[in-house]
């Protein structure tokens, strides 16, 4: 299986770690967070110069306040990266976004009702903020 095809099937933290890119940073909570790899590890894995990447590459979400999380967003990077390397980088970033969302779901952060059937207003607000594409409160 081609590497990009394999990456496009990733759904879990464990599957991201199996890529053996390097240390996987994971911080996911009701107040936002991120998941991704350090630029030096990812640059070696992809075969590009580290200075073309931000310090951390993956997915993140901002805390908007009031219990609301913003849209899950992927890292940006230099436009001068070769096209074939961008394809691999984009696949890794998209995998991080999927894993971030799946991990939130496993933590019941997106459940609009709790186990007792009570409304989870934070989840409703966060889900709607994401549908609207809100990334940041400022």
Protein backbone atom coordinates (compact mmCIF):
# COMPACT_ATOMS: atom_id res chain seq x y z
CA UNK A 1 0.00 0.00 0.00
CA UNK A 2 1.28 3.43 -0.93
CA UNK A 3 2.25 5.63 2.04
CA UNK A 4 -0.31 8.35 1.28
CA UNK A 5 -3.08 5.73 0.97
CA UNK A 6 -2.05 4.34 4.36
CA UNK A 7 -2.06 7.82 5.90
CA UNK A 8 -5.48 8.56 4.40
CA UNK A 9 -6.89 5.60 6.37
CA UNK A 10 -5.53 6.68 9.76
CA UNK A 11 -8.21 7.21 12.42
CA UNK A 12 -6.47 6.80 15.81
CA UNK A 13 -3.55 8.11 17.85
CA UNK A 14 -1.98 4.66 17.72
CA UNK A 15 -2.11 4.60 13.92
CA UNK A 16 -0.44 8.04 13.77
CA UNK A 17 2.31 6.77 16.07
CA UNK A 18 2.80 3.72 13.83
CA UNK A 19 4.05 6.05 11.08
CA UNK A 20 7.20 6.43 13.22
CA UNK A 21 7.63 10.07 12.26
CA UNK A 22 8.84 10.97 15.74
CA UNK A 23 7.31 12.14 18.99
CA UNK A 24 3.56 12.69 18.63
CA UNK A 25 2.32 15.65 20.66
CA UNK A 26 -1.24 15.09 21.94
CA UNK A 27 -3.21 17.56 24.05
CA UNK A 28 -6.97 17.33 23.59
CA UNK A 29 -9.46 18.66 26.13
CA UNK A 30 -12.72 20.56 26.54
CA UNK A 31 -10.63 23.74 26.17
CA UNK A 32 -9.08 22.90 22.80
CA UNK A 33 -5.58 21.67 22.13
CA UNK A 34 -3.62 20.04 19.38
CA UNK A 35 -2.07 16.92 17.93
CA UNK A 36 0.95 16.73 15.70
CA UNK A 37 4.66 16.31 15.17
CA UNK A 38 7.67 18.55 15.72
CA UNK A 39 8.99 20.21 12.58
CA UNK A 40 12.43 18.61 12.79
CA UNK A 41 11.01 15.06 12.92
CA UNK A 42 8.49 15.73 10.17
CA UNK A 43 11.07 17.45 7.92
CA UNK A 44 13.30 14.36 8.07
CA UNK A 45 10.33 12.04 7.42
CA UNK A 46 9.14 14.04 4.39
CA UNK A 47 12.59 15.03 3.11
CA UNK A 48 12.35 18.83 3.28
CA UNK A 49 14.12 21.66 5.08
CA UNK A 50 12.83 22.19 8.61
CA UNK A 51 12.62 25.97 8.15
CA UNK A 52 9.73 25.45 5.69
CA UNK A 53 7.51 24.23 8.56
CA UNK A 54 6.16 25.80 11.74
CA UNK A 55 7.53 24.41 15.04
CA UNK A 56 4.61 21.97 15.36
CA UNK A 57 2.71 20.48 12.42
CA UNK A 58 -0.69 18.83 12.71
CA UNK A 59 -4.13 19.94 13.84
CA UNK A 60 -5.40 22.22 16.56
CA UNK A 61 -8.49 23.91 17.87
CA UNK A 62 -8.75 27.14 19.82
CA UNK A 63 -10.80 27.70 22.93
CA UNK A 64 -13.28 30.43 22.06
CA UNK A 65 -14.42 30.95 25.64
CA UNK A 66 -17.63 30.07 27.40
CA UNK A 67 -17.06 26.34 26.94
CA UNK A 68 -16.89 26.65 23.15
CA UNK A 69 -14.15 25.17 20.97
CA UNK A 70 -13.44 26.46 17.49
CA UNK A 71 -13.02 24.61 14.21
CA UNK A 72 -10.34 21.95 13.93
CA UNK A 73 -7.65 23.51 11.77
CA UNK A 74 -4.52 22.16 10.12
CA UNK A 75 -1.09 23.75 10.28
CA UNK A 76 0.06 26.12 7.60
CA UNK A 77 3.46 25.82 5.95
CA UNK A 78 5.71 27.46 3.35
CA UNK A 79 4.32 27.64 -0.18
CA UNK A 80 7.80 26.83 -1.52
CA UNK A 81 7.58 23.14 -0.56
CA UNK A 82 7.67 20.94 -3.71
CA UNK A 83 4.24 19.71 -4.86
CA UNK A 84 4.97 16.02 -4.26
CA UNK A 85 6.08 16.79 -0.70
CA UNK A 86 3.00 18.98 -0.13
CA UNK A 87 0.77 16.01 -0.99
CA UNK A 88 2.39 13.91 1.73
CA UNK A 89 2.37 16.80 4.21
CA UNK A 90 -1.31 17.55 3.54
CA UNK A 91 -2.17 13.86 4.06
CA UNK A 92 -0.42 13.90 7.45
CA UNK A 93 -2.17 17.13 8.48
CA UNK A 94 -5.55 15.73 7.39
CA UNK A 95 -4.86 12.54 9.38
CA UNK A 96 -4.11 14.66 12.44
CA UNK A 97 -7.43 16.50 11.96
CA UNK A 98 -9.34 13.19 11.73
CA UNK A 99 -7.59 11.78 14.78
CA UNK A 100 -8.22 14.98 16.75
CA UNK A 101 -11.96 14.81 15.99
CA UNK A 102 -12.15 11.07 16.65
CA UNK A 103 -10.39 11.50 19.99
CA UNK A 104 -12.79 14.27 20.98
CA UNK A 105 -15.66 11.94 20.07
CA UNK A 106 -14.17 9.13 22.20
CA UNK A 107 -13.95 11.60 25.10
CA UNK A 108 -17.66 12.49 24.54
CA UNK A 109 -16.73 16.15 24.05
CA UNK A 110 -19.03 16.40 21.02
CA UNK A 111 -22.00 14.52 22.48
CA UNK A 112 -24.92 16.93 22.64
CA UNK A 113 -26.44 14.93 25.51
CA UNK A 114 -24.64 13.41 28.49
CA UNK A 115 -25.22 9.91 29.87
CA UNK A 116 -28.18 11.14 31.95
CA UNK A 117 -29.84 12.73 28.92
CA UNK A 118 -28.96 16.29 29.98
CA UNK A 119 -28.18 18.81 27.26
CA UNK A 120 -24.47 19.46 26.75
CA UNK A 121 -24.59 23.12 25.71
CA UNK A 122 -20.80 23.30 25.30
CA UNK A 123 -20.93 20.54 22.69
CA UNK A 124 -23.88 22.13 20.89
CA UNK A 125 -22.12 25.50 20.78
CA UNK A 126 -18.79 23.96 19.71
CA UNK A 127 -20.42 21.87 16.97
CA UNK A 128 -22.23 24.94 15.63
CA UNK A 129 -19.08 27.09 15.79
CA UNK A 130 -17.34 24.43 13.73
CA UNK A 131 -20.16 24.26 11.19
CA UNK A 132 -19.80 28.03 10.84
CA UNK A 133 -16.04 27.67 10.36
CA UNK A 134 -15.12 29.79 13.40
CA UNK A 135 -11.45 29.25 14.20
CA UNK A 136 -10.64 32.02 16.66
CA UNK A 137 -12.46 34.42 18.96
CA UNK A 138 -10.07 37.24 18.04
